[in-house]
């Protein structure tokens, strides 16, 4: 598998939405519970371009097999960015997340962030393992977080210091 990681563009958003919607449909790993469109993702990418970074992992045939972004979040300090990572179902454990994180953490440093926050559902074992393997450490927990569909989950906050 030949994999390239590059900045995401509006051209990628249709494939990104398809990938993300499969994850949402499967359930249990993301706080997102409603399907998204390429337009939604394009809007998300454009909402804070000066303080965010979006990357895609692409196979040589052009298929998007993962994406990741960092951006500020209101509940964390301005020197921190929140991260989100999505890898195509059936493609985890192949180095896609590692390749994405290399690009994303470098971009976060260039944007001036000091640390990265991962906000993960406590029942998302794969996500917890992924961020732990990148060097994130637990620093807080949110209990009883209500998702948009009314489901309640706990969330684990993990921190990765860039410096």
Protein backbone atom coordinates (compact mmCIF):
# COMPACT_ATOMS: atom_id res chain seq x y z
CA UNK A 1 0.00 0.00 0.00
CA UNK A 2 1.51 3.29 -1.12
CA UNK A 3 0.20 6.08 1.09
CA UNK A 4 0.61 9.84 0.84
CA UNK A 5 -0.48 12.44 3.38
CA UNK A 6 -1.25 15.95 2.20
CA UNK A 7 -3.35 18.96 3.09
CA UNK A 8 -7.05 18.30 2.58
CA UNK A 9 -8.89 20.31 -0.06
CA UNK A 10 -12.53 20.86 -0.96
CA UNK A 11 -11.99 18.26 -3.69
CA UNK A 12 -11.49 15.61 -0.97
CA UNK A 13 -14.62 16.36 1.04
CA UNK A 14 -16.97 13.98 -0.79
CA UNK A 15 -14.70 11.01 -0.06
CA UNK A 16 -14.09 12.25 3.48
CA UNK A 17 -17.85 12.42 4.09
CA UNK A 18 -18.36 8.90 2.74
CA UNK A 19 -15.61 7.58 5.03
CA UNK A 20 -16.97 9.45 8.06
CA UNK A 21 -20.58 8.44 7.40
CA UNK A 22 -19.59 4.76 7.41
CA UNK A 23 -18.01 5.30 10.85
CA UNK A 24 -21.07 7.20 12.11
CA UNK A 25 -23.37 4.48 10.77
CA UNK A 26 -21.37 1.74 12.52
CA UNK A 27 -21.61 3.74 15.77
CA UNK A 28 -19.75 3.50 19.02
CA UNK A 29 -16.61 5.46 18.21
CA UNK A 30 -17.48 9.05 17.36
CA UNK A 31 -19.56 11.67 19.13
CA UNK A 32 -21.01 12.50 15.70
CA UNK A 33 -24.34 10.73 15.25
CA UNK A 34 -25.80 12.35 12.12
CA UNK A 35 -24.50 11.85 8.58
CA UNK A 36 -22.42 14.64 7.06
CA UNK A 37 -22.01 15.85 3.50
CA UNK A 38 -19.01 17.04 1.56
CA UNK A 39 -20.47 20.54 1.85
CA UNK A 40 -20.57 20.18 5.65
CA UNK A 41 -16.90 19.20 5.70
CA UNK A 42 -15.99 22.02 3.33
CA UNK A 43 -17.70 24.46 5.69
CA UNK A 44 -15.89 22.96 8.70
CA UNK A 45 -12.57 23.27 6.89
CA UNK A 46 -13.31 26.91 6.13
CA UNK A 47 -14.52 28.02 9.54
CA UNK A 48 -11.07 28.69 11.07
CA UNK A 49 -8.47 28.24 8.32
CA UNK A 50 -5.88 30.49 9.96
CA UNK A 51 -5.78 28.34 13.13
CA UNK A 52 -6.61 24.87 11.84
CA UNK A 53 -4.94 22.17 9.79
CA UNK A 54 -6.66 19.40 7.83
CA UNK A 55 -4.84 16.42 6.31
CA UNK A 56 -5.90 13.41 4.26
CA UNK A 57 -4.22 10.06 3.79
CA UNK A 58 -4.56 9.03 0.16
CA UNK A 59 -3.68 5.86 -1.70
CA UNK A 60 -1.89 6.12 -5.04
CA UNK A 61 -5.24 5.54 -6.82
CA UNK A 62 -6.63 8.68 -5.14
CA UNK A 63 -8.80 6.96 -2.54
CA UNK A 64 -8.98 8.82 0.78
CA UNK A 65 -8.42 6.26 3.55
CA UNK A 66 -8.20 8.65 6.48
CA UNK A 67 -8.25 12.25 7.59
CA UNK A 68 -7.36 14.28 10.62
CA UNK A 69 -7.66 17.86 11.72
CA UNK A 70 -6.70 20.18 14.56
CA UNK A 71 -8.48 23.39 15.48
CA UNK A 72 -9.19 25.46 18.57
CA UNK A 73 -12.06 24.55 20.88
CA UNK A 74 -13.84 26.83 23.33
CA UNK A 75 -13.35 24.55 26.34
CA UNK A 76 -9.54 24.37 26.08
CA UNK A 77 -7.00 27.20 26.35
CA UNK A 78 -5.87 29.08 23.21
CA UNK A 79 -2.45 27.40 23.25
CA UNK A 80 -4.17 24.05 22.66
CA UNK A 81 -5.82 22.57 19.58
CA UNK A 82 -8.41 19.81 19.48
CA UNK A 83 -7.73 16.83 17.22
CA UNK A 84 -10.10 14.54 15.35
CA UNK A 85 -9.02 11.42 13.48
CA UNK A 86 -10.96 9.15 11.13
CA UNK A 87 -9.61 6.09 9.32
CA UNK A 88 -11.62 4.04 6.84
CA UNK A 89 -13.30 1.02 8.40
CA UNK A 90 -11.12 -2.04 7.90
CA UNK A 91 -7.98 0.04 7.36
CA UNK A 92 -6.92 0.64 10.97
CA UNK A 93 -3.59 -0.69 12.18
CA UNK A 94 -1.88 -0.08 8.82
CA UNK A 95 0.01 3.11 9.70
CA UNK A 96 -2.56 5.55 8.34
CA UNK A 97 -3.15 7.22 11.72
CA UNK A 98 0.60 7.42 12.38
CA UNK A 99 1.24 9.07 9.02
CA UNK A 100 -1.59 11.54 9.59
CA UNK A 101 -0.36 12.41 13.08
CA UNK A 102 3.15 13.14 11.83
CA UNK A 103 1.73 15.76 9.46
CA UNK A 104 -0.86 17.11 11.88
CA UNK A 105 1.49 17.52 14.85
CA UNK A 106 4.01 19.35 12.64
CA UNK A 107 1.25 21.64 11.40
CA UNK A 108 0.04 22.27 14.97
CA UNK A 109 3.55 23.36 15.93
CA UNK A 110 3.70 25.69 12.91
CA UNK A 111 0.37 27.17 13.96
CA UNK A 112 1.88 27.96 17.37
CA UNK A 113 0.03 25.44 19.49
CA UNK A 114 1.75 24.10 22.63
CA UNK A 115 -0.35 20.97 23.04
CA UNK A 116 -3.08 18.89 21.40
CA UNK A 117 -6.29 17.77 23.10
CA UNK A 118 -8.04 14.53 22.15
CA UNK A 119 -11.65 14.23 23.32
CA UNK A 120 -12.55 10.53 23.00
CA UNK A 121 -15.61 8.52 23.90
CA UNK A 122 -14.71 6.27 26.84
CA UNK A 123 -16.22 3.32 24.97
CA UNK A 124 -14.02 3.92 21.89
CA UNK A 125 -11.31 1.41 22.70
CA UNK A 126 -9.59 1.79 19.32
CA UNK A 127 -9.44 5.57 19.64
CA UNK A 128 -8.10 5.41 23.18
CA UNK A 129 -5.40 2.95 22.09
CA UNK A 130 -4.51 5.06 19.04
CA UNK A 131 -3.99 8.27 20.99
CA UNK A 132 -2.14 6.45 23.78
CA UNK A 133 0.21 4.98 21.15
CA UNK A 134 0.97 8.48 19.86
CA UNK A 135 2.03 9.61 23.36
CA UNK A 136 -1.18 11.26 24.57
CA UNK A 137 -1.82 10.99 28.31
CA UNK A 138 -5.11 11.16 30.21
CA UNK A 139 -5.74 14.43 32.02
CA UNK A 140 -9.49 14.66 32.55
CA UNK A 141 -12.82 12.90 32.12
CA UNK A 142 -16.28 14.17 31.19
CA UNK A 143 -19.05 12.04 32.66
CA UNK A 144 -22.55 11.88 31.26
CA UNK A 145 -21.90 13.70 27.96
CA UNK A 146 -25.12 13.77 25.92
CA UNK A 147 -24.77 13.12 22.21
CA UNK A 148 -27.09 14.80 19.68
CA UNK A 149 -29.21 11.63 19.54
CA UNK A 150 -29.79 11.65 23.32
CA UNK A 151 -27.33 8.85 24.10
CA UNK A 152 -25.14 9.52 27.13
CA UNK A 153 -21.45 8.55 27.13
CA UNK A 154 -18.40 9.35 29.19
CA UNK A 155 -15.46 11.01 27.46
CA UNK A 156 -11.75 10.83 28.17
CA UNK A 157 -9.58 13.89 27.56
CA UNK A 158 -6.00 13.15 26.52
CA UNK A 159 -3.15 15.60 26.07
CA UNK A 160 -0.11 15.55 23.81
CA UNK A 161 2.55 18.16 24.54
CA UNK A 162 4.19 19.47 21.37
CA UNK A 163 7.17 20.97 23.23
